[in-house]
Amino acid sequence: MTEPSTNGLQFAHDLARLREHLEHAGNEYLPIEHQSAAAAGFLKVINELTAGTDPTAAVARAMASYFRVDEAQRAHTAAVEARRQREEQDLEAEEETTRKVECPDCGATAGLRCKGTGASGGLKKKSHRARFRLARQLTDQKGTAS
């Protein structure tokens, strides 16, 4: 089966549309988590080939572009995850300190979770605000009395 002939004008129009989509998806000025490594690589190979660059060099540059964005995304994801874990550990430590006192709102005894804060609140909502403040006041008083 033979390939259908290519309409030069349609090809140029389609190529312009494709470039537009790829430039949007691989825009290096977007935050790294919104960039597409595949779009950046594909755009690079298209630009290189249409500029008359040797195909091997074009593919090599495209791969370099892809891996640059991919590595930056991996580093960003790792940094976000590390920050999330630190915040979670800090909140757990705060909650541990907070649970050392009785809750003035719900009467939960020291060491137990507050009643009625709900499971959907996350770490920040495990204890009532008044209990959190009371625990901080007591901790601050111990720190200044020493």
N, C-alpha and C. Protein backbone atom coordinates (compact mmCIF):
# COMPACT_ATOMS: atom_id res chain seq x y z
N MET A 1 0.84 -1.17 0.00
CA MET A 1 0.00 0.00 0.00
C MET A 1 0.89 1.24 0.00
N THR A 2 0.57 2.19 -0.83
CA THR A 2 1.40 3.39 -0.94
C THR A 2 0.90 4.47 0.01
N GLU A 3 1.84 5.31 0.41
CA GLU A 3 1.52 6.45 1.27
C GLU A 3 0.76 7.50 0.46
N PRO A 4 -0.25 8.09 1.05
CA PRO A 4 -0.93 9.18 0.33
C PRO A 4 0.01 10.38 0.22
N SER A 5 -0.16 11.15 -0.83
CA SER A 5 0.71 12.31 -1.01
C SER A 5 0.43 13.34 0.08
N THR A 6 1.47 14.08 0.42
CA THR A 6 1.36 15.06 1.49
C THR A 6 1.06 16.43 0.90
N ASN A 7 0.03 17.04 1.42
CA ASN A 7 -0.32 18.39 1.02
C ASN A 7 0.58 19.34 1.81
N GLY A 8 1.42 20.08 1.12
CA GLY A 8 2.39 20.96 1.77
C GLY A 8 1.75 22.00 2.66
N LEU A 9 0.67 22.60 2.20
CA LEU A 9 0.00 23.63 3.01
C LEU A 9 -0.65 23.02 4.25
N GLN A 10 -1.28 21.86 4.09
CA GLN A 10 -1.90 21.20 5.24
C GLN A 10 -0.83 20.76 6.24
N PHE A 11 0.30 20.26 5.71
CA PHE A 11 1.40 19.86 6.58
C PHE A 11 1.91 21.05 7.40
N ALA A 12 2.13 22.17 6.74
CA ALA A 12 2.61 23.37 7.44
C ALA A 12 1.62 23.82 8.51
N HIS A 13 0.34 23.77 8.18
CA HIS A 13 -0.70 24.16 9.15
C HIS A 13 -0.71 23.20 10.34
N ASP A 14 -0.69 21.90 10.04
CA ASP A 14 -0.69 20.90 11.12
C ASP A 14 0.56 20.99 11.97
N LEU A 15 1.70 21.24 11.35
CA LEU A 15 2.95 21.37 12.08
C LEU A 15 2.90 22.59 13.01
N ALA A 16 2.35 23.68 12.54
CA ALA A 16 2.22 24.89 13.37
C ALA A 16 1.32 24.63 14.56
N ARG A 17 0.21 23.93 14.33
CA ARG A 17 -0.71 23.58 15.44
C ARG A 17 -0.02 22.67 16.44
N LEU A 18 0.71 21.67 15.94
CA LEU A 18 1.41 20.75 16.82
C LEU A 18 2.46 21.48 17.65
N ARG A 19 3.21 22.34 17.02
CA ARG A 19 4.22 23.13 17.75
C ARG A 19 3.56 23.97 18.84
N GLU A 20 2.44 24.56 18.52
CA GLU A 20 1.72 25.39 19.49
C GLU A 20 1.33 24.56 20.72
N HIS A 21 0.80 23.38 20.48
CA HIS A 21 0.41 22.50 21.59
C HIS A 21 1.63 22.06 22.40
N LEU A 22 2.68 21.70 21.71
CA LEU A 22 3.90 21.24 22.40
C LEU A 22 4.56 22.38 23.17
N GLU A 23 4.57 23.58 22.59
CA GLU A 23 5.15 24.73 23.30
C GLU A 23 4.38 25.03 24.57
N HIS A 24 3.07 24.86 24.51
CA HIS A 24 2.28 25.08 25.72
C HIS A 24 2.57 24.00 26.77
N ALA A 25 2.59 22.75 26.36
CA ALA A 25 2.80 21.64 27.30
C ALA A 25 4.22 21.59 27.84
N GLY A 26 5.18 21.99 27.05
CA GLY A 26 6.58 21.91 27.47
C GLY A 26 7.17 23.25 27.83
N ASN A 27 6.33 24.25 28.07
CA ASN A 27 6.80 25.61 28.34
C ASN A 27 7.73 25.63 29.55
N GLU A 28 8.96 26.04 29.34
CA GLU A 28 9.95 26.02 30.42
C GLU A 28 9.68 27.08 31.48
N TYR A 29 8.78 28.01 31.21
CA TYR A 29 8.45 29.05 32.20
C TYR A 29 7.30 28.64 33.12
N LEU A 30 6.67 27.52 32.82
CA LEU A 30 5.65 26.99 33.72
C LEU A 30 6.34 26.37 34.93
N PRO A 31 5.63 26.27 36.06
CA PRO A 31 6.21 25.52 37.18
C PRO A 31 6.57 24.12 36.72
N ILE A 32 7.64 23.57 37.26
CA ILE A 32 8.17 22.30 36.77
C ILE A 32 7.14 21.18 36.83
N GLU A 33 6.25 21.20 37.81
CA GLU A 33 5.27 20.12 37.91
C GLU A 33 4.23 20.17 36.79
N HIS A 34 4.15 21.29 36.05
CA HIS A 34 3.19 21.42 34.97
C HIS A 34 3.83 21.27 33.59
N GLN A 35 5.14 21.09 33.55
CA GLN A 35 5.82 20.91 32.27
C GLN A 35 5.73 19.44 31.85
N SER A 36 5.79 19.22 30.56
CA SER A 36 5.78 17.86 30.02
C SER A 36 7.15 17.56 29.42
N ALA A 37 7.82 16.57 29.98
CA ALA A 37 9.13 16.17 29.45
C ALA A 37 9.00 15.64 28.03
N ALA A 38 7.95 14.87 27.78
CA ALA A 38 7.75 14.31 26.44
C ALA A 38 7.49 15.42 25.42
N ALA A 39 6.69 16.41 25.80
CA ALA A 39 6.40 17.52 24.89
C ALA A 39 7.68 18.31 24.60
N ALA A 40 8.50 18.54 25.63
CA ALA A 40 9.75 19.28 25.43
C ALA A 40 10.68 18.53 24.49
N GLY A 41 10.78 17.23 24.65
CA GLY A 41 11.63 16.42 23.78
C GLY A 41 11.12 16.35 22.36
N PHE A 42 9.83 16.15 22.22
CA PHE A 42 9.24 16.06 20.89
C PHE A 42 9.36 17.40 20.16
N LEU A 43 9.11 18.50 20.86
CA LEU A 43 9.25 19.81 20.25
C LEU A 43 10.69 20.04 19.80
N LYS A 44 11.63 19.64 20.63
CA LYS A 44 13.05 19.83 20.29
C LYS A 44 13.39 19.06 19.01
N VAL A 45 12.95 17.81 18.90
CA VAL A 45 13.28 17.03 17.70
C VAL A 45 12.61 17.62 16.46
N ILE A 46 11.39 18.10 16.59
CA ILE A 46 10.71 18.72 15.45
C ILE A 46 11.47 19.98 15.01
N ASN A 47 11.81 20.82 15.99
CA ASN A 47 12.52 22.06 15.66
C ASN A 47 13.88 21.78 15.02
N GLU A 48 14.58 20.81 15.55
CA GLU A 48 15.91 20.47 15.03
C GLU A 48 15.81 19.90 13.61
N LEU A 49 14.87 18.99 13.40
CA LEU A 49 14.74 18.37 12.08
C LEU A 49 14.28 19.37 11.02
N THR A 50 13.35 20.24 11.40
CA THR A 50 12.88 21.22 10.41
C THR A 50 13.93 22.30 10.15
N ALA A 51 14.91 22.43 11.04
CA ALA A 51 16.01 23.38 10.83
C ALA A 51 17.13 22.76 10.01
N GLY A 52 16.99 21.49 9.69
CA GLY A 52 17.99 20.82 8.85
C GLY A 52 19.14 20.19 9.62
N THR A 53 18.98 20.02 10.92
CA THR A 53 20.02 19.39 11.74
C THR A 53 20.11 17.91 11.41
N ASP A 54 21.29 17.35 11.57
CA ASP A 54 21.49 15.91 11.39
C ASP A 54 20.51 15.16 12.30
N PRO A 55 19.80 14.16 11.77
CA PRO A 55 18.80 13.46 12.58
C PRO A 55 19.34 12.87 13.89
N THR A 56 20.54 12.33 13.86
CA THR A 56 21.11 11.77 15.09
C THR A 56 21.33 12.86 16.13
N ALA A 57 21.86 13.99 15.72
CA ALA A 57 22.06 15.11 16.64
C ALA A 57 20.73 15.65 17.13
N ALA A 58 19.73 15.68 16.26
CA ALA A 58 18.40 16.16 16.65
C ALA A 58 17.80 15.27 17.74
N VAL A 59 17.92 13.97 17.55
CA VAL A 59 17.39 13.04 18.54
C VAL A 59 18.17 13.14 19.84
N ALA A 60 19.48 13.29 19.76
CA ALA A 60 20.30 13.42 20.96
C ALA A 60 19.91 14.67 21.75
N ARG A 61 19.69 15.78 21.06
CA ARG A 61 19.27 17.02 21.74
C ARG A 61 17.88 16.88 22.33
N ALA A 62 17.01 16.18 21.62
CA ALA A 62 15.66 15.95 22.14
C ALA A 62 15.70 15.11 23.41
N MET A 63 16.54 14.08 23.40
CA MET A 63 16.67 13.25 24.60
C MET A 63 17.22 14.06 25.76
N ALA A 64 18.19 14.92 25.49
CA ALA A 64 18.76 15.76 26.55
C ALA A 64 17.69 16.68 27.12
N SER A 65 16.87 17.23 26.26
CA SER A 65 15.78 18.10 26.70
C SER A 65 14.78 17.32 27.56
N TYR A 66 14.42 16.14 27.10
CA TYR A 66 13.50 15.29 27.84
C TYR A 66 14.05 14.96 29.23
N PHE A 67 15.30 14.49 29.27
CA PHE A 67 15.89 14.08 30.55
C PHE A 67 16.08 15.26 31.50
N ARG A 68 16.34 16.46 30.96
CA ARG A 68 16.49 17.65 31.79
C ARG A 68 15.18 17.94 32.53
N VAL A 69 14.08 17.94 31.79
CA VAL A 69 12.77 18.21 32.40
C VAL A 69 12.38 17.08 33.34
N ASP A 70 12.61 15.85 32.92
CA ASP A 70 12.26 14.69 33.74
C ASP A 70 13.02 14.71 35.07
N GLU A 71 14.31 15.01 35.03
CA GLU A 71 15.12 15.06 36.24
C GLU A 71 14.67 16.19 37.15
N ALA A 72 14.36 17.34 36.58
CA ALA A 72 13.87 18.46 37.38
C ALA A 72 12.55 18.12 38.05
N GLN A 73 11.68 17.41 37.33
CA GLN A 73 10.40 17.00 37.92
C GLN A 73 10.61 16.00 39.05
N ARG A 74 11.53 15.08 38.87
CA ARG A 74 11.81 14.10 39.93
C ARG A 74 12.38 14.79 41.17
N ALA A 75 13.27 15.75 40.97
CA ALA A 75 13.85 16.49 42.10
C ALA A 75 12.77 17.30 42.81
N HIS A 76 11.89 17.92 42.03
CA HIS A 76 10.79 18.69 42.63
C HIS A 76 9.86 17.79 43.44
N THR A 77 9.51 16.66 42.87
CA THR A 77 8.62 15.72 43.56
C THR A 77 9.26 15.23 44.86
N ALA A 78 10.55 14.93 44.82
CA ALA A 78 11.25 14.49 46.03
C ALA A 78 11.28 15.60 47.08
N ALA A 79 11.49 16.84 46.67
CA ALA A 79 11.52 17.95 47.61
C ALA A 79 10.14 18.19 48.23
N VAL A 80 9.11 18.09 47.42
CA VAL A 80 7.74 18.26 47.93
C VAL A 80 7.41 17.15 48.93
N GLU A 81 7.79 15.93 48.60
CA GLU A 81 7.52 14.80 49.51
C GLU A 81 8.30 14.95 50.81
N ALA A 82 9.55 15.38 50.73
CA ALA A 82 10.36 15.57 51.94
C ALA A 82 9.74 16.66 52.82
N ARG A 83 9.30 17.75 52.19
CA ARG A 83 8.65 18.83 52.95
C ARG A 83 7.36 18.33 53.61
N ARG A 84 6.58 17.55 52.87
CA ARG A 84 5.32 17.03 53.41
C ARG A 84 5.60 16.12 54.61
N GLN A 85 6.62 15.29 54.50
CA GLN A 85 6.97 14.40 55.61
C GLN A 85 7.44 15.18 56.83
N ARG A 86 8.24 16.25 56.61
CA ARG A 86 8.69 17.09 57.74
C ARG A 86 7.50 17.75 58.42
N GLU A 87 6.58 18.28 57.62
CA GLU A 87 5.40 18.93 58.18
C GLU A 87 4.55 17.93 58.96
N GLU A 88 4.43 16.72 58.43
CA GLU A 88 3.66 15.68 59.11
C GLU A 88 4.32 15.31 60.44
N GLN A 89 5.64 15.20 60.45
CA GLN A 89 6.36 14.89 61.68
C GLN A 89 6.21 16.02 62.70
N ASP A 90 6.29 17.27 62.22
CA ASP A 90 6.11 18.41 63.12
C ASP A 90 4.71 18.43 63.73
N LEU A 91 3.71 18.15 62.89
CA LEU A 91 2.33 18.12 63.39
C LEU A 91 2.12 16.98 64.38
N GLU A 92 2.73 15.84 64.11
CA GLU A 92 2.63 14.72 65.04
C GLU A 92 3.28 15.07 66.38
N ALA A 93 4.43 15.76 66.33
CA ALA A 93 5.10 16.17 67.57
C ALA A 93 4.23 17.18 68.33
N GLU A 94 3.61 18.10 67.62
CA GLU A 94 2.71 19.06 68.27
C GLU A 94 1.52 18.36 68.90
N GLU A 95 0.98 17.38 68.17
CA GLU A 95 -0.18 16.64 68.70
C GLU A 95 0.21 15.85 69.94
N GLU A 96 1.41 15.30 69.94
CA GLU A 96 1.89 14.56 71.11
C GLU A 96 1.97 15.48 72.33
N THR A 97 2.48 16.68 72.12
CA THR A 97 2.56 17.66 73.20
C THR A 97 1.16 18.07 73.64
N THR A 98 0.26 18.28 72.69
CA THR A 98 -1.10 18.70 72.99
C THR A 98 -1.84 17.65 73.82
N ARG A 99 -1.61 16.40 73.54
CA ARG A 99 -2.33 15.33 74.25
C ARG A 99 -1.83 15.09 75.67
N LYS A 100 -0.88 15.89 76.11
CA LYS A 100 -0.39 15.75 77.49
C LYS A 100 -1.31 16.44 78.49
N VAL A 101 -2.28 17.22 77.99
CA VAL A 101 -3.21 17.92 78.88
C VAL A 101 -4.63 17.48 78.57
N GLU A 102 -5.53 17.71 79.52
CA GLU A 102 -6.94 17.41 79.33
C GLU A 102 -7.56 18.51 78.48
N CYS A 103 -8.49 18.13 77.61
CA CYS A 103 -9.14 19.08 76.72
C CYS A 103 -10.24 19.83 77.46
N PRO A 104 -10.18 21.18 77.50
CA PRO A 104 -11.23 21.94 78.15
C PRO A 104 -12.54 21.94 77.37
N ASP A 105 -12.51 21.62 76.08
CA ASP A 105 -13.74 21.62 75.28
C ASP A 105 -14.55 20.34 75.42
N CYS A 106 -13.88 19.20 75.23
CA CYS A 106 -14.64 17.94 75.22
C CYS A 106 -14.36 17.05 76.42
N GLY A 107 -13.38 17.44 77.24
CA GLY A 107 -13.06 16.67 78.43
C GLY A 107 -12.20 15.43 78.18
N ALA A 108 -11.63 15.30 76.98
CA ALA A 108 -10.76 14.15 76.70
C ALA A 108 -9.58 14.19 77.66
N THR A 109 -9.32 13.06 78.28
CA THR A 109 -8.23 13.02 79.26
C THR A 109 -6.88 13.02 78.55
N ALA A 110 -5.87 13.33 79.33
CA ALA A 110 -4.51 13.38 78.77
C ALA A 110 -4.18 12.04 78.11
N GLY A 111 -3.60 12.09 76.95
CA GLY A 111 -3.21 10.89 76.22
C GLY A 111 -4.25 10.41 75.23
N LEU A 112 -5.49 10.89 75.34
CA LEU A 112 -6.56 10.44 74.43
C LEU A 112 -6.89 11.53 73.42
N ARG A 113 -7.43 11.11 72.31
CA ARG A 113 -7.82 12.03 71.24
C ARG A 113 -9.09 12.77 71.65
N CYS A 114 -9.21 13.99 71.17
CA CYS A 114 -10.42 14.77 71.44
C CYS A 114 -11.63 14.08 70.80
N LYS A 115 -12.78 14.28 71.44
CA LYS A 115 -14.02 13.71 70.93
C LYS A 115 -14.70 14.74 70.03
N GLY A 116 -15.17 14.31 68.89
CA GLY A 116 -15.97 15.17 68.03
C GLY A 116 -15.19 16.03 67.07
N THR A 117 -13.90 15.82 66.89
CA THR A 117 -13.16 16.61 65.90
C THR A 117 -13.25 15.98 64.53
N GLY A 118 -13.64 14.73 64.46
CA GLY A 118 -13.84 14.06 63.17
C GLY A 118 -12.55 13.59 62.55
N ALA A 119 -12.64 12.53 61.76
CA ALA A 119 -11.46 11.95 61.12
C ALA A 119 -11.05 12.73 59.88
N SER A 120 -11.94 13.56 59.35
CA SER A 120 -11.63 14.26 58.10
C SER A 120 -10.76 15.49 58.31
N GLY A 121 -10.51 15.87 59.52
CA GLY A 121 -9.79 17.10 59.78
C GLY A 121 -8.30 17.00 59.55
N GLY A 122 -7.74 15.81 59.51
CA GLY A 122 -6.30 15.67 59.35
C GLY A 122 -5.57 15.93 60.65
N LEU A 123 -4.27 15.99 60.60
CA LEU A 123 -3.46 16.15 61.81
C LEU A 123 -3.77 17.44 62.55
N LYS A 124 -4.03 18.50 61.82
CA LYS A 124 -4.25 19.79 62.46
C LYS A 124 -5.54 19.82 63.27
N LYS A 125 -6.44 18.91 63.04
CA LYS A 125 -7.74 18.92 63.69
C LYS A 125 -7.92 17.78 64.68
N LYS A 126 -6.86 17.12 65.09
CA LYS A 126 -7.04 15.99 66.00
C LYS A 126 -7.41 16.43 67.40
N SER A 127 -7.04 17.64 67.77
CA SER A 127 -7.39 18.17 69.09
C SER A 127 -8.05 19.53 68.92
N HIS A 128 -8.89 19.86 69.90
CA HIS A 128 -9.53 21.17 69.86
C HIS A 128 -8.50 22.28 70.04
N ARG A 129 -8.82 23.43 69.52
CA ARG A 129 -7.92 24.58 69.56
C ARG A 129 -7.60 24.98 71.00
N ALA A 130 -8.60 24.94 71.88
CA ALA A 130 -8.38 25.33 73.28
C ALA A 130 -7.37 24.39 73.96
N ARG A 131 -7.42 23.12 73.63
CA ARG A 131 -6.47 22.15 74.19
C ARG A 131 -5.06 22.45 73.68
N PHE A 132 -4.97 22.76 72.39
CA PHE A 132 -3.68 23.10 71.79
C PHE A 132 -3.08 24.33 72.48
N ARG A 133 -3.90 25.37 72.69
CA ARG A 133 -3.42 26.59 73.34
C ARG A 133 -3.01 26.33 74.79
N LEU A 134 -3.80 25.55 75.50
CA LEU A 134 -3.48 25.22 76.89
C LEU A 134 -2.15 24.48 76.97
N ALA A 135 -1.95 23.53 76.09
CA ALA A 135 -0.69 22.77 76.09
C ALA A 135 0.48 23.69 75.78
N ARG A 136 0.31 24.64 74.85
CA ARG A 136 1.39 25.57 74.53
C ARG A 136 1.70 26.49 75.71
N GLN A 137 0.65 26.95 76.39
CA GLN A 137 0.87 27.81 77.56
C GLN A 137 1.65 27.08 78.64
N LEU A 138 1.27 25.85 78.89
CA LEU A 138 1.97 25.07 79.92
C LEU A 138 3.41 24.79 79.51
N THR A 139 3.61 24.50 78.22
CA THR A 139 4.97 24.24 77.73
C THR A 139 5.83 25.51 77.84
N ASP A 140 5.23 26.66 77.49
CA ASP A 140 5.96 27.93 77.57
C ASP A 140 6.29 28.28 79.02
N GLN A 141 5.36 28.00 79.93
CA GLN A 141 5.60 28.29 81.35
C GLN A 141 6.72 27.41 81.89
N LYS A 142 6.76 26.15 81.48
CA LYS A 142 7.84 25.26 81.91
C LYS A 142 9.18 25.73 81.38
N GLY A 143 9.17 26.23 80.15
CA GLY A 143 10.40 26.70 79.52
C GLY A 143 10.93 27.96 80.19
N THR A 144 10.08 28.86 80.65
CA THR A 144 10.52 30.09 81.30
C THR A 144 10.83 29.86 82.77
N ALA A 145 10.25 28.83 83.38
CA ALA A 145 10.50 28.56 84.79
C ALA A 145 11.84 27.87 85.01
N SER A 146 12.36 27.26 83.98
CA SER A 146 13.63 26.52 84.10
C SER A 146 14.81 27.41 84.29
